[in-house]
PDB file of N, CA and C in Angstrom:
ATOM      1  N   MET A   1    -180.297 -30.042 -29.928  1.00  0.00           N
ATOM      2  CA  MET A   1    -180.448 -31.230 -30.670  1.00  0.00           C
ATOM      3  C   MET A   1    -181.802 -31.480 -31.246  1.00  0.00           C
ATOM      4  N   THR A   2    -181.854 -31.560 -32.743  1.00  0.00           N
ATOM      5  CA  THR A   2    -183.415 -32.226 -33.084  1.00  0.00           C
ATOM      6  C   THR A   2    -183.726 -32.739 -32.593  1.00  0.00           C
ATOM      7  N   LYS A   3    -184.827 -33.148 -32.385  1.00  0.00           N
ATOM      8  CA  LYS A   3    -185.305 -34.646 -31.630  1.00  0.00           C
ATOM      9  C   LYS A   3    -186.230 -35.693 -32.743  1.00  0.00           C
ATOM     10  N   ARG A   4    -185.835 -36.977 -32.738  1.00  0.00           N
ATOM     11  CA  ARG A   4    -186.383 -37.902 -34.358  1.00  0.00           C
ATOM     12  C   ARG A   4    -187.667 -38.210 -33.507  1.00  0.00           C
ATOM     13  N   VAL A   5    -188.846 -38.342 -33.938  1.00  0.00           N
ATOM     14  CA  VAL A   5    -189.766 -39.413 -33.983  1.00  0.00           C
ATOM     15  C   VAL A   5    -190.105 -39.816 -35.201  1.00  0.00           C
ATOM     16  N   LEU A   6    -190.686 -41.255 -34.479  1.00  0.00           N
ATOM     17  CA  LEU A   6    -190.707 -41.966 -35.665  1.00  0.00           C
ATOM     18  C   LEU A   6    -192.181 -42.364 -34.966  1.00  0.00           C
ATOM     19  N   VAL A   7    -192.909 -42.816 -36.440  1.00  0.00           N
ATOM     20  CA  VAL A   7    -194.366 -42.660 -36.325  1.00  0.00           C
ATOM     21  C   VAL A   7    -195.047 -44.145 -37.212  1.00  0.00           C
ATOM     22  N   VAL A   8    -195.418 -45.088 -36.101  1.00  0.00           N
ATOM     23  CA  VAL A   8    -195.889 -46.147 -37.030  1.00  0.00           C
ATOM     24  C   VAL A   8    -197.487 -46.087 -37.134  1.00  0.00           C
ATOM     25  N   GLU A   9    -198.140 -46.051 -38.284  1.00  0.00           N
ATOM     26  CA  GLU A   9    -199.464 -45.478 -38.795  1.00  0.00           C
ATOM     27  C   GLU A   9    -200.201 -46.058 -39.977  1.00  0.00           C
ATOM     28  N   ASP A  10    -200.962 -47.129 -40.257  1.00  0.00           N
ATOM     29  CA  ASP A  10    -200.874 -47.703 -41.117  1.00  0.00           C
ATOM     30  C   ASP A  10    -202.493 -46.806 -42.061  1.00  0.00           C
ATOM     31  N   ASN A  11    -202.598 -45.711 -41.426  1.00  0.00           N
ATOM     32  CA  ASN A  11    -203.633 -44.598 -42.145  1.00  0.00           C
ATOM     33  C   ASN A  11    -202.778 -43.889 -43.010  1.00  0.00           C
ATOM     34  N   GLU A  12    -202.938 -43.789 -43.896  1.00  0.00           N
ATOM     35  CA  GLU A  12    -202.043 -42.710 -44.835  1.00  0.00           C
ATOM     36  C   GLU A  12    -202.433 -41.275 -44.420  1.00  0.00           C
ATOM     37  N   LEU A  13    -203.370 -40.824 -44.512  1.00  0.00           N
ATOM     38  CA  LEU A  13    -203.947 -39.659 -43.893  1.00  0.00           C
ATOM     39  C   LEU A  13    -203.613 -39.052 -42.548  1.00  0.00           C
ATOM     40  N   ASN A  14    -203.479 -40.264 -41.627  1.00  0.00           N
ATOM     41  CA  ASN A  14    -203.290 -39.710 -40.100  1.00  0.00           C
ATOM     42  C   ASN A  14    -201.754 -39.794 -40.162  1.00  0.00           C
ATOM     43  N   LEU A  15    -200.898 -40.433 -40.715  1.00  0.00           N
ATOM     44  CA  LEU A  15    -199.796 -40.766 -40.602  1.00  0.00           C
ATOM     45  C   LEU A  15    -198.780 -39.186 -41.438  1.00  0.00           C
ATOM     46  N   LYS A  16    -199.756 -38.903 -42.202  1.00  0.00           N
ATOM     47  CA  LYS A  16    -199.039 -37.468 -42.544  1.00  0.00           C
ATOM     48  C   LYS A  16    -199.697 -36.394 -42.054  1.00  0.00           C
ATOM     49  N   LEU A  17    -200.642 -36.602 -41.302  1.00  0.00           N
ATOM     50  CA  LEU A  17    -200.916 -35.459 -40.254  1.00  0.00           C
ATOM     51  C   LEU A  17    -200.196 -35.649 -38.844  1.00  0.00           C
ATOM     52  N   PHE A  18    -199.936 -36.663 -38.614  1.00  0.00           N
ATOM     53  CA  PHE A  18    -198.666 -36.687 -37.702  1.00  0.00           C
ATOM     54  C   PHE A  18    -197.140 -36.416 -37.842  1.00  0.00           C
ATOM     55  N   CYS A  19    -197.048 -36.461 -39.028  1.00  0.00           N
ATOM     56  CA  CYS A  19    -195.442 -36.080 -39.596  1.00  0.00           C
ATOM     57  C   CYS A  19    -195.759 -34.817 -40.161  1.00  0.00           C
ATOM     58  N   ASP A  20    -196.698 -33.773 -40.520  1.00  0.00           N
ATOM     59  CA  ASP A  20    -196.653 -32.828 -40.814  1.00  0.00           C
ATOM     60  C   ASP A  20    -196.469 -32.098 -39.640  1.00  0.00           C
ATOM     61  N   LEU A  21    -197.431 -32.491 -38.579  1.00  0.00           N
ATOM     62  CA  LEU A  21    -197.983 -31.524 -37.753  1.00  0.00           C
ATOM     63  C   LEU A  21    -196.081 -31.523 -36.841  1.00  0.00           C
ATOM     64  N   LEU A  22    -195.721 -32.632 -36.473  1.00  0.00           N
ATOM     65  CA  LEU A  22    -194.123 -33.036 -36.030  1.00  0.00           C
ATOM     66  C   LEU A  22    -193.431 -32.186 -36.625  1.00  0.00           C
ATOM     67  N   ARG A  23    -192.962 -32.171 -38.180  1.00  0.00           N
ATOM     68  CA  ARG A  23    -192.270 -31.340 -38.920  1.00  0.00           C
ATOM     69  C   ARG A  23    -191.899 -30.063 -38.521  1.00  0.00           C
ATOM     70  N   ALA A  24    -193.629 -29.413 -38.595  1.00  0.00           N
ATOM     71  CA  ALA A  24    -193.641 -28.151 -38.181  1.00  0.00           C
ATOM     72  C   ALA A  24    -193.338 -27.565 -36.798  1.00  0.00           C
ATOM     73  N   HIS A  25    -193.264 -28.188 -36.122  1.00  0.00           N
ATOM     74  CA  HIS A  25    -192.579 -28.196 -34.473  1.00  0.00           C
ATOM     75  C   HIS A  25    -191.327 -28.743 -34.630  1.00  0.00           C
ATOM     76  N   GLU A  26    -190.619 -28.888 -35.703  1.00  0.00           N
ATOM     77  CA  GLU A  26    -189.021 -28.805 -35.772  1.00  0.00           C
ATOM     78  C   GLU A  26    -188.947 -29.914 -35.067  1.00  0.00           C
ATOM     79  N   TYR A  27    -189.367 -30.903 -35.212  1.00  0.00           N
ATOM     80  CA  TYR A  27    -189.026 -32.128 -34.961  1.00  0.00           C
ATOM     81  C   TYR A  27    -188.386 -33.242 -36.551  1.00  0.00           C
ATOM     82  N   VAL A  28    -187.679 -33.843 -36.535  1.00  0.00           N
ATOM     83  CA  VAL A  28    -187.433 -34.872 -37.325  1.00  0.00           C
ATOM     84  C   VAL A  28    -188.154 -35.870 -37.548  1.00  0.00           C
ATOM     85  N   CYS A  29    -188.996 -36.284 -38.570  1.00  0.00           N
ATOM     86  CA  CYS A  29    -189.828 -37.135 -38.315  1.00  0.00           C
ATOM     87  C   CYS A  29    -190.052 -38.490 -39.662  1.00  0.00           C
ATOM     88  N   GLU A  30    -189.870 -39.704 -39.132  1.00  0.00           N
ATOM     89  CA  GLU A  30    -190.112 -40.715 -40.225  1.00  0.00           C
ATOM     90  C   GLU A  30    -191.473 -41.617 -39.931  1.00  0.00           C
ATOM     91  N   GLY A  31    -192.256 -41.772 -41.193  1.00  0.00           N
ATOM     92  CA  GLY A  31    -193.091 -42.512 -40.776  1.00  0.00           C
ATOM     93  C   GLY A  31    -193.280 -43.901 -41.676  1.00  0.00           C
ATOM     94  N   VAL A  32    -193.580 -45.065 -40.867  1.00  0.00           N
ATOM     95  CA  VAL A  32    -194.046 -46.434 -41.360  1.00  0.00           C
ATOM     96  C   VAL A  32    -195.147 -46.793 -41.228  1.00  0.00           C
ATOM     97  N   ARG A  33    -195.741 -47.191 -42.813  1.00  0.00           N
ATOM     98  CA  ARG A  33    -197.195 -47.381 -42.470  1.00  0.00           C
ATOM     99  C   ARG A  33    -197.329 -49.163 -42.390  1.00  0.00           C
ATOM    100  N   ASP A  34    -196.220 -49.922 -42.574  1.00  0.00           N
ATOM    101  CA  ASP A  34    -196.596 -51.428 -41.984  1.00  0.00           C
ATOM    102  C   ASP A  34    -196.104 -51.684 -40.783  1.00  0.00           C
ATOM    103  N   GLY A  35    -196.436 -52.378 -39.468  1.00  0.00           N
ATOM    104  CA  GLY A  35    -196.231 -52.134 -38.430  1.00  0.00           C
ATOM    105  C   GLY A  35    -195.203 -53.617 -38.560  1.00  0.00           C
ATOM    106  N   ARG A  36    -194.989 -54.439 -39.286  1.00  0.00           N
ATOM    107  CA  ARG A  36    -194.047 -55.154 -39.974  1.00  0.00           C
ATOM    108  C   ARG A  36    -192.198 -54.656 -40.186  1.00  0.00           C
ATOM    109  N   GLU A  37    -192.611 -53.374 -40.328  1.00  0.00           N
ATOM    110  CA  GLU A  37    -191.194 -52.734 -40.616  1.00  0.00           C
ATOM    111  C   GLU A  37    -190.940 -51.680 -39.195  1.00  0.00           C
ATOM    112  N   ALA A  38    -191.723 -51.810 -38.098  1.00  0.00           N
ATOM    113  CA  ALA A  38    -191.193 -51.071 -37.575  1.00  0.00           C
ATOM    114  C   ALA A  38    -190.187 -50.770 -36.530  1.00  0.00           C
ATOM    115  N   VAL A  39    -190.134 -51.996 -35.895  1.00  0.00           N
ATOM    116  CA  VAL A  39    -188.579 -52.711 -35.178  1.00  0.00           C
ATOM    117  C   VAL A  39    -187.577 -52.446 -35.865  1.00  0.00           C
ATOM    118  N   THR A  40    -187.115 -52.681 -37.079  1.00  0.00           N
ATOM    119  CA  THR A  40    -186.000 -52.664 -38.066  1.00  0.00           C
ATOM    120  C   THR A  40    -185.917 -51.009 -38.239  1.00  0.00           C
ATOM    121  N   ARG A  41    -186.586 -50.219 -38.645  1.00  0.00           N
ATOM    122  CA  ARG A  41    -186.649 -48.566 -38.784  1.00  0.00           C
ATOM    123  C   ARG A  41    -186.702 -48.181 -37.395  1.00  0.00           C
ATOM    124  N   ALA A  42    -186.871 -48.961 -36.583  1.00  0.00           N
ATOM    125  CA  ALA A  42    -186.482 -47.983 -35.243  1.00  0.00           C
ATOM    126  C   ALA A  42    -185.200 -48.134 -34.765  1.00  0.00           C
ATOM    127  N   ARG A  43    -184.769 -49.432 -35.475  1.00  0.00           N
ATOM    128  CA  ARG A  43    -183.392 -49.425 -35.053  1.00  0.00           C
ATOM    129  C   ARG A  43    -182.053 -48.759 -36.010  1.00  0.00           C
ATOM    130  N   ASP A  44    -182.731 -48.523 -37.171  1.00  0.00           N
ATOM    131  CA  ASP A  44    -181.741 -47.541 -38.381  1.00  0.00           C
ATOM    132  C   ASP A  44    -181.630 -46.186 -37.854  1.00  0.00           C
ATOM    133  N   PHE A  45    -183.360 -45.672 -37.433  1.00  0.00           N
ATOM    134  CA  PHE A  45    -183.645 -44.535 -37.420  1.00  0.00           C
ATOM    135  C   PHE A  45    -182.794 -43.899 -36.327  1.00  0.00           C
ATOM    136  N   ALA A  46    -183.053 -44.844 -35.139  1.00  0.00           N
ATOM    137  CA  ALA A  46    -182.856 -44.326 -33.592  1.00  0.00           C
ATOM    138  C   ALA A  46    -183.609 -42.787 -33.138  1.00  0.00           C
ATOM    139  N   PRO A  47    -184.814 -43.298 -33.259  1.00  0.00           N
ATOM    140  CA  PRO A  47    -185.810 -42.269 -32.467  1.00  0.00           C
ATOM    141  C   PRO A  47    -185.856 -41.686 -31.346  1.00  0.00           C
ATOM    142  N   ASP A  48    -186.127 -40.584 -30.788  1.00  0.00           N
ATOM    143  CA  ASP A  48    -186.078 -40.629 -29.378  1.00  0.00           C
ATOM    144  C   ASP A  48    -187.364 -40.677 -28.644  1.00  0.00           C
ATOM    145  N   LEU A  49    -188.420 -41.030 -29.769  1.00  0.00           N
ATOM    146  CA  LEU A  49    -190.013 -40.911 -29.282  1.00  0.00           C
ATOM    147  C   LEU A  49    -190.437 -42.052 -30.547  1.00  0.00           C
ATOM    148  N   ILE A  50    -191.421 -42.817 -30.288  1.00  0.00           N
ATOM    149  CA  ILE A  50    -192.453 -43.205 -31.061  1.00  0.00           C
ATOM    150  C   ILE A  50    -193.627 -43.425 -30.673  1.00  0.00           C
ATOM    151  N   VAL A  51    -194.537 -43.125 -32.201  1.00  0.00           N
ATOM    152  CA  VAL A  51    -195.812 -42.714 -32.077  1.00  0.00           C
ATOM    153  C   VAL A  51    -196.036 -43.916 -32.410  1.00  0.00           C
ATOM    154  N   MET A  52    -197.205 -45.030 -31.990  1.00  0.00           N
ATOM    155  CA  MET A  52    -197.266 -45.701 -32.126  1.00  0.00           C
ATOM    156  C   MET A  52    -199.223 -46.104 -32.356  1.00  0.00           C
ATOM    157  N   ASP A  53    -199.603 -46.594 -33.567  1.00  0.00           N
ATOM    158  CA  ASP A  53    -200.978 -46.745 -33.752  1.00  0.00           C
ATOM    159  C   ASP A  53    -201.321 -47.934 -33.189  1.00  0.00           C
ATOM    160  N   ILE A  54    -202.126 -48.570 -32.424  1.00  0.00           N
ATOM    161  CA  ILE A  54    -202.767 -49.611 -31.829  1.00  0.00           C
ATOM    162  C   ILE A  54    -203.145 -50.944 -32.724  1.00  0.00           C
ATOM    163  N   GLN A  55    -204.018 -50.177 -33.542  1.00  0.00           N
ATOM    164  CA  GLN A  55    -205.143 -51.222 -34.149  1.00  0.00           C
ATOM    165  C   GLN A  55    -204.525 -51.100 -35.936  1.00  0.00           C
ATOM    166  N   MET A  56    -203.696 -51.957 -35.949  1.00  0.00           N
ATOM    167  CA  MET A  56    -203.151 -52.170 -37.773  1.00  0.00           C
ATOM    168  C   MET A  56    -203.348 -53.785 -38.211  1.00  0.00           C
ATOM    169  N   PRO A  57    -203.261 -53.530 -39.333  1.00  0.00           N
ATOM    170  CA  PRO A  57    -203.265 -54.957 -39.664  1.00  0.00           C
ATOM    171  C   PRO A  57    -201.581 -55.519 -39.927  1.00  0.00           C
ATOM    172  N   HIS A  58    -201.956 -56.835 -40.197  1.00  0.00           N
ATOM    173  CA  HIS A  58    -200.926 -57.472 -40.004  1.00  0.00           C
ATOM    174  C   HIS A  58    -199.841 -58.085 -38.717  1.00  0.00           C
ATOM    175  N   VAL A  59    -199.638 -56.734 -37.769  1.00  0.00           N
ATOM    176  CA  VAL A  59    -199.362 -56.821 -36.497  1.00  0.00           C
ATOM    177  C   VAL A  59    -199.814 -55.931 -35.779  1.00  0.00           C
ATOM    178  N   THR A  60    -200.355 -55.814 -34.421  1.00  0.00           N
ATOM    179  CA  THR A  60    -200.851 -54.867 -33.771  1.00  0.00           C
ATOM    180  C   THR A  60    -199.694 -53.844 -33.067  1.00  0.00           C
ATOM    181  N   GLY A  61    -200.211 -52.584 -32.990  1.00  0.00           N
ATOM    182  CA  GLY A  61    -199.283 -51.970 -32.041  1.00  0.00           C
ATOM    183  C   GLY A  61    -199.188 -52.377 -30.645  1.00  0.00           C
ATOM    184  N   TYR A  62    -199.871 -52.764 -29.936  1.00  0.00           N
ATOM    185  CA  TYR A  62    -199.694 -53.927 -29.145  1.00  0.00           C
ATOM    186  C   TYR A  62    -198.435 -54.677 -28.840  1.00  0.00           C
ATOM    187  N   ASP A  63    -198.549 -55.615 -29.750  1.00  0.00           N
ATOM    188  CA  ASP A  63    -197.487 -56.821 -29.940  1.00  0.00           C
ATOM    189  C   ASP A  63    -196.510 -55.980 -30.357  1.00  0.00           C
ATOM    190  N   LEU A  64    -195.854 -54.825 -30.804  1.00  0.00           N
ATOM    191  CA  LEU A  64    -195.211 -53.924 -31.440  1.00  0.00           C
ATOM    192  C   LEU A  64    -194.276 -53.331 -30.411  1.00  0.00           C
ATOM    193  N   ILE A  65    -195.146 -52.839 -29.196  1.00  0.00           N
ATOM    194  CA  ILE A  65    -194.650 -52.693 -27.881  1.00  0.00           C
ATOM    195  C   ILE A  65    -193.827 -53.194 -26.968  1.00  0.00           C
ATOM    196  N   LEU A  66    -194.711 -54.675 -26.930  1.00  0.00           N
ATOM    197  CA  LEU A  66    -193.845 -55.626 -26.637  1.00  0.00           C
ATOM    198  C   LEU A  66    -192.717 -56.123 -26.797  1.00  0.00           C
ATOM    199  N   GLU A  67    -192.471 -55.724 -28.252  1.00  0.00           N
ATOM    200  CA  GLU A  67    -191.167 -56.424 -28.859  1.00  0.00           C
ATOM    201  C   GLU A  67    -190.245 -55.152 -28.691  1.00  0.00           C
ATOM    202  N   LEU A  68    -190.840 -53.999 -29.122  1.00  0.00           N
ATOM    203  CA  LEU A  68    -189.514 -53.122 -28.777  1.00  0.00           C
ATOM    204  C   LEU A  68    -189.037 -53.195 -27.176  1.00  0.00           C
ATOM    205  N   LYS A  69    -190.009 -53.282 -26.177  1.00  0.00           N
ATOM    206  CA  LYS A  69    -189.804 -53.422 -24.792  1.00  0.00           C
ATOM    207  C   LYS A  69    -188.700 -54.588 -24.509  1.00  0.00           C
ATOM    208  N   ALA A  70    -188.989 -55.140 -25.441  1.00  0.00           N
ATOM    209  CA  ALA A  70    -188.020 -56.383 -24.876  1.00  0.00           C
ATOM    210  C   ALA A  70    -186.743 -56.738 -25.737  1.00  0.00           C
ATOM    211  N   ASP A  71    -186.361 -55.640 -26.789  1.00  0.00           N
ATOM    212  CA  ASP A  71    -185.459 -55.245 -27.059  1.00  0.00           C
ATOM    213  C   ASP A  71    -184.372 -54.828 -26.327  1.00  0.00           C
ATOM    214  N   GLU A  72    -183.528 -55.008 -26.473  1.00  0.00           N
ATOM    215  CA  GLU A  72    -182.084 -54.226 -25.065  1.00  0.00           C
ATOM    216  C   GLU A  72    -182.001 -52.693 -25.759  1.00  0.00           C
ATOM    217  N   THR A  73    -181.516 -52.832 -26.970  1.00  0.00           N
ATOM    218  CA  THR A  73    -181.122 -51.543 -27.767  1.00  0.00           C
ATOM    219  C   THR A  73    -182.723 -50.625 -27.634  1.00  0.00           C
ATOM    220  N   LEU A  74    -183.622 -50.961 -28.191  1.00  0.00           N
ATOM    221  CA  LEU A  74    -184.978 -50.109 -27.966  1.00  0.00           C
ATOM    222  C   LEU A  74    -186.096 -49.984 -27.164  1.00  0.00           C
ATOM    223  N   ARG A  75    -185.655 -50.749 -25.544  1.00  0.00           N
ATOM    224  CA  ARG A  75    -186.306 -50.726 -24.386  1.00  0.00           C
ATOM    225  C   ARG A  75    -186.670 -48.971 -24.284  1.00  0.00           C
ATOM    226  N   GLY A  76    -185.804 -48.573 -24.449  1.00  0.00           N
ATOM    227  CA  GLY A  76    -185.562 -46.829 -23.605  1.00  0.00           C
ATOM    228  C   GLY A  76    -186.001 -46.112 -24.400  1.00  0.00           C
ATOM    229  N   ILE A  77    -186.857 -46.462 -25.258  1.00  0.00           N
ATOM    230  CA  ILE A  77    -187.469 -45.299 -26.128  1.00  0.00           C
ATOM    231  C   ILE A  77    -188.418 -45.342 -25.785  1.00  0.00           C
ATOM    232  N   PRO A  78    -189.327 -43.955 -25.374  1.00  0.00           N
ATOM    233  CA  PRO A  78    -190.637 -43.675 -25.323  1.00  0.00           C
ATOM    234  C   PRO A  78    -191.856 -44.056 -26.174  1.00  0.00           C
ATOM    235  N   ILE A  79    -192.776 -44.707 -25.815  1.00  0.00           N
ATOM    236  CA  ILE A  79    -193.982 -45.013 -26.894  1.00  0.00           C
ATOM    237  C   ILE A  79    -194.873 -44.246 -26.129  1.00  0.00           C
ATOM    238  N   MET A  80    -195.510 -43.638 -27.542  1.00  0.00           N
ATOM    239  CA  MET A  80    -196.846 -42.594 -27.072  1.00  0.00           C
ATOM    240  C   MET A  80    -197.859 -43.758 -27.787  1.00  0.00           C
ATOM    241  N   ALA A  81    -198.459 -44.231 -27.619  1.00  0.00           N
ATOM    242  CA  ALA A  81    -199.909 -45.057 -28.268  1.00  0.00           C
ATOM    243  C   ALA A  81    -200.727 -44.090 -28.945  1.00  0.00           C
ATOM    244  N   VAL A  82    -200.970 -44.312 -30.050  1.00  0.00           N
ATOM    245  CA  VAL A  82    -202.667 -43.480 -30.359  1.00  0.00           C
ATOM    246  C   VAL A  82    -203.484 -44.006 -30.969  1.00  0.00           C
ATOM    247  N   THR A  83    -204.853 -44.528 -30.645  1.00  0.00           N
ATOM    248  CA  THR A  83    -205.226 -45.357 -30.986  1.00  0.00           C
ATOM    249  C   THR A  83    -207.139 -44.869 -30.723  1.00  0.00           C
ATOM    250  N   ALA A  84    -207.732 -45.587 -31.370  1.00  0.00           N
ATOM    251  CA  ALA A  84    -209.191 -45.674 -31.613  1.00  0.00           C
ATOM    252  C   ALA A  84    -209.840 -45.955 -30.464  1.00  0.00           C
ATOM    253  N   TYR A  85    -209.152 -46.899 -29.650  1.00  0.00           N
ATOM    254  CA  TYR A  85    -209.413 -47.942 -28.736  1.00  0.00           C
ATOM    255  C   TYR A  85    -209.700 -46.796 -27.422  1.00  0.00           C
ATOM    256  N   SER A  86    -210.922 -46.895 -26.785  1.00  0.00           N
ATOM    257  CA  SER A  86    -210.948 -45.612 -25.860  1.00  0.00           C
ATOM    258  C   SER A  86    -211.345 -45.837 -24.719  1.00  0.00           C
ATOM    259  N   GLY A  87    -211.735 -47.273 -24.231  1.00  0.00           N
ATOM    260  CA  GLY A  87    -211.937 -48.061 -23.188  1.00  0.00           C
ATOM    261  C   GLY A  87    -210.810 -47.798 -22.171  1.00  0.00           C
ATOM    262  N   ARG A  88    -210.716 -48.004 -20.702  1.00  0.00           N
ATOM    263  CA  ARG A  88    -210.282 -47.532 -19.512  1.00  0.00           C
ATOM    264  C   ARG A  88    -209.482 -49.277 -19.504  1.00  0.00           C
ATOM    265  N   ASP A  89    -209.881 -50.328 -20.018  1.00  0.00           N
ATOM    266  CA  ASP A  89    -208.935 -51.260 -19.792  1.00  0.00           C
ATOM    267  C   ASP A  89    -208.115 -51.413 -20.753  1.00  0.00           C
ATOM    268  N   ASP A  90    -208.316 -50.903 -22.201  1.00  0.00           N
ATOM    269  CA  ASP A  90    -207.422 -50.829 -22.847  1.00  0.00           C
ATOM    270  C   ASP A  90    -206.297 -49.949 -22.473  1.00  0.00           C
ATOM    271  N   GLU A  91    -206.632 -48.848 -22.173  1.00  0.00           N
ATOM    272  CA  GLU A  91    -205.089 -47.880 -21.744  1.00  0.00           C
ATOM    273  C   GLU A  91    -204.652 -48.576 -20.551  1.00  0.00           C
ATOM    274  N   ASP A  92    -205.462 -49.236 -20.214  1.00  0.00           N
ATOM    275  CA  ASP A  92    -204.425 -50.239 -19.056  1.00  0.00           C
ATOM    276  C   ASP A  92    -203.463 -51.264 -19.594  1.00  0.00           C
ATOM    277  N   ARG A  93    -204.117 -51.610 -20.401  1.00  0.00           N
ATOM    278  CA  ARG A  93    -203.635 -52.905 -20.612  1.00  0.00           C
ATOM    279  C   ARG A  93    -202.106 -52.272 -22.111  1.00  0.00           C
ATOM    280  N   ILE A  94    -202.640 -51.240 -22.349  1.00  0.00           N
ATOM    281  CA  ILE A  94    -201.730 -50.787 -23.569  1.00  0.00           C
ATOM    282  C   ILE A  94    -200.479 -50.166 -22.550  1.00  0.00           C
ATOM    283  N   ARG A  95    -200.901 -49.469 -21.590  1.00  0.00           N
ATOM    284  CA  ARG A  95    -200.044 -48.660 -20.697  1.00  0.00           C
ATOM    285  C   ARG A  95    -198.901 -50.157 -19.843  1.00  0.00           C
ATOM    286  N   ALA A  96    -199.708 -50.988 -19.617  1.00  0.00           N
ATOM    287  CA  ALA A  96    -199.048 -52.252 -19.162  1.00  0.00           C
ATOM    288  C   ALA A  96    -197.786 -53.004 -19.973  1.00  0.00           C
ATOM    289  N   ALA A  97    -198.205 -53.099 -21.399  1.00  0.00           N
ATOM    290  CA  ALA A  97    -197.061 -52.879 -22.041  1.00  0.00           C
ATOM    291  C   ALA A  97    -196.187 -52.457 -22.284  1.00  0.00           C
ATOM    292  N   GLY A  98    -196.071 -51.255 -22.120  1.00  0.00           N
ATOM    293  CA  GLY A  98    -195.067 -50.542 -21.885  1.00  0.00           C
ATOM    294  C   GLY A  98    -195.079 -49.119 -22.566  1.00  0.00           C
ATOM    295  N   ALA A  99    -195.896 -48.842 -23.226  1.00  0.00           N
ATOM    296  CA  ALA A  99    -196.445 -47.272 -23.406  1.00  0.00           C
ATOM    297  C   ALA A  99    -196.336 -46.291 -22.381  1.00  0.00           C
ATOM    298  N   SER A 100    -195.580 -44.973 -22.865  1.00  0.00           N
ATOM    299  CA  SER A 100    -195.451 -44.183 -21.727  1.00  0.00           C
ATOM    300  C   SER A 100    -196.493 -43.319 -21.753  1.00  0.00           C
ATOM    301  N   ALA A 101    -197.258 -43.199 -22.837  1.00  0.00           N
ATOM    302  CA  ALA A 101    -198.710 -42.289 -22.714  1.00  0.00           C
ATOM    303  C   ALA A 101    -199.576 -43.006 -23.905  1.00  0.00           C
ATOM    304  N   TYR A 102    -200.769 -42.719 -23.560  1.00  0.00           N
ATOM    305  CA  TYR A 102    -201.879 -42.853 -24.922  1.00  0.00           C
ATOM    306  C   TYR A 102    -203.056 -41.762 -25.258  1.00  0.00           C
ATOM    307  N   VAL A 103    -203.008 -41.613 -26.272  1.00  0.00           N
ATOM    308  CA  VAL A 103    -204.204 -40.958 -26.373  1.00  0.00           C
ATOM    309  C   VAL A 103    -204.856 -41.021 -27.256  1.00  0.00           C
ATOM    310  N   SER A 104    -206.402 -40.701 -27.378  1.00  0.00           N
ATOM    311  CA  SER A 104    -207.357 -41.552 -28.210  1.00  0.00           C
ATOM    312  C   SER A 104    -207.833 -40.571 -29.051  1.00  0.00           C
ATOM    313  N   LYS A 105    -207.872 -41.446 -30.013  1.00  0.00           N
ATOM    314  CA  LYS A 105    -208.424 -41.011 -31.688  1.00  0.00           C
ATOM    315  C   LYS A 105    -210.318 -40.594 -31.384  1.00  0.00           C
ATOM    316  N   PRO A 106    -210.520 -39.350 -32.103  1.00  0.00           N
ATOM    317  CA  PRO A 106    -209.658 -38.514 -32.404  1.00  0.00           C
ATOM    318  C   PRO A 106    -208.722 -37.568 -31.893  1.00  0.00           C
ATOM    319  N   ILE A 107    -207.621 -37.404 -32.099  1.00  0.00           N
ATOM    320  CA  ILE A 107    -206.784 -36.449 -31.798  1.00  0.00           C
ATOM    321  C   ILE A 107    -206.710 -35.014 -31.987  1.00  0.00           C
ATOM    322  N   SER A 108    -206.675 -34.173 -30.265  1.00  0.00           N
ATOM    323  CA  SER A 108    -206.564 -32.876 -30.063  1.00  0.00           C
ATOM    324  C   SER A 108    -204.821 -32.885 -30.691  1.00  0.00           C
ATOM    325  N   LEU A 109    -205.021 -31.624 -31.541  1.00  0.00           N
ATOM    326  CA  LEU A 109    -203.942 -31.252 -31.934  1.00  0.00           C
ATOM    327  C   LEU A 109    -202.519 -31.112 -30.873  1.00  0.00           C
ATOM    328  N   ALA A 110    -203.422 -29.821 -29.948  1.00  0.00           N
ATOM    329  CA  ALA A 110    -202.594 -29.527 -29.064  1.00  0.00           C
ATOM    330  C   ALA A 110    -202.433 -30.480 -28.135  1.00  0.00           C
ATOM    331  N   ARG A 111    -203.153 -31.609 -27.536  1.00  0.00           N
ATOM    332  CA  ARG A 111    -203.172 -32.604 -26.952  1.00  0.00           C
ATOM    333  C   ARG A 111    -201.713 -33.225 -27.183  1.00  0.00           C
ATOM    334  N   PHE A 112    -201.960 -33.676 -28.256  1.00  0.00           N
ATOM    335  CA  PHE A 112    -201.128 -34.364 -29.224  1.00  0.00           C
ATOM    336  C   PHE A 112    -199.754 -33.800 -28.971  1.00  0.00           C
ATOM    337  N   MET A 113    -199.451 -32.832 -29.653  1.00  0.00           N
ATOM    338  CA  MET A 113    -198.094 -31.845 -29.117  1.00  0.00           C
ATOM    339  C   MET A 113    -197.688 -32.042 -27.714  1.00  0.00           C
ATOM    340  N   ASP A 114    -198.710 -31.733 -26.705  1.00  0.00           N
ATOM    341  CA  ASP A 114    -198.529 -31.236 -25.417  1.00  0.00           C
ATOM    342  C   ASP A 114    -197.433 -33.014 -24.913  1.00  0.00           C
ATOM    343  N   THR A 115    -198.261 -33.872 -25.376  1.00  0.00           N
ATOM    344  CA  THR A 115    -197.777 -35.180 -24.814  1.00  0.00           C
ATOM    345  C   THR A 115    -196.447 -35.302 -25.623  1.00  0.00           C
ATOM    346  N   VAL A 116    -196.530 -35.421 -26.804  1.00  0.00           N
ATOM    347  CA  VAL A 116    -194.667 -34.990 -27.505  1.00  0.00           C
ATOM    348  C   VAL A 116    -193.676 -34.791 -26.630  1.00  0.00           C
ATOM    349  N   GLY A 117    -194.053 -33.623 -26.287  1.00  0.00           N
ATOM    350  CA  GLY A 117    -193.385 -32.506 -25.459  1.00  0.00           C
ATOM    351  C   GLY A 117    -192.922 -33.088 -23.914  1.00  0.00           C
ATOM    352  N   GLY A 118    -193.801 -33.748 -23.603  1.00  0.00           N
ATOM    353  CA  GLY A 118    -193.490 -34.498 -22.178  1.00  0.00           C
ATOM    354  C   GLY A 118    -192.717 -35.506 -22.329  1.00  0.00           C
ATOM    355  N   LEU A 119    -192.776 -36.106 -23.461  1.00  0.00           N
ATOM    356  CA  LEU A 119    -191.814 -37.533 -23.563  1.00  0.00           C
ATOM    357  C   LEU A 119    -190.403 -37.494 -24.052  1.00  0.00           C
ATOM    358  N   VAL A 120    -189.997 -36.405 -25.087  1.00  0.00           N
ATOM    359  CA  VAL A 120    -188.785 -36.156 -25.403  1.00  0.00           C
ATOM    360  C   VAL A 120    -187.942 -34.998 -24.704  1.00  0.00           C
TER     361      VAL A 120
END
């Protein structure tokens, strides 16, 4: 069965890159540019994985991870944080919020796909 990935990323080029890469590896992908829509889209799309940018306007990926993990229906979905933050404290804080994996930007395409494959 084809796995479904929701990508929450405000940068249009990164969103296109992630979705194109996932589709090339036969994942069904849906993109969300505005984090304020992420929880609703997650409920509607029922993804097997959420790729979450951390630094976004309006609502941070960190806050969205907390919200997703507090939701009984969505808490079991693994979340892969993708961020330009690269400090050890940042990774620890993001993982403590509920992220299953952490990939720093700029991403390695192979590492990105290896991480995705390990989560779904």
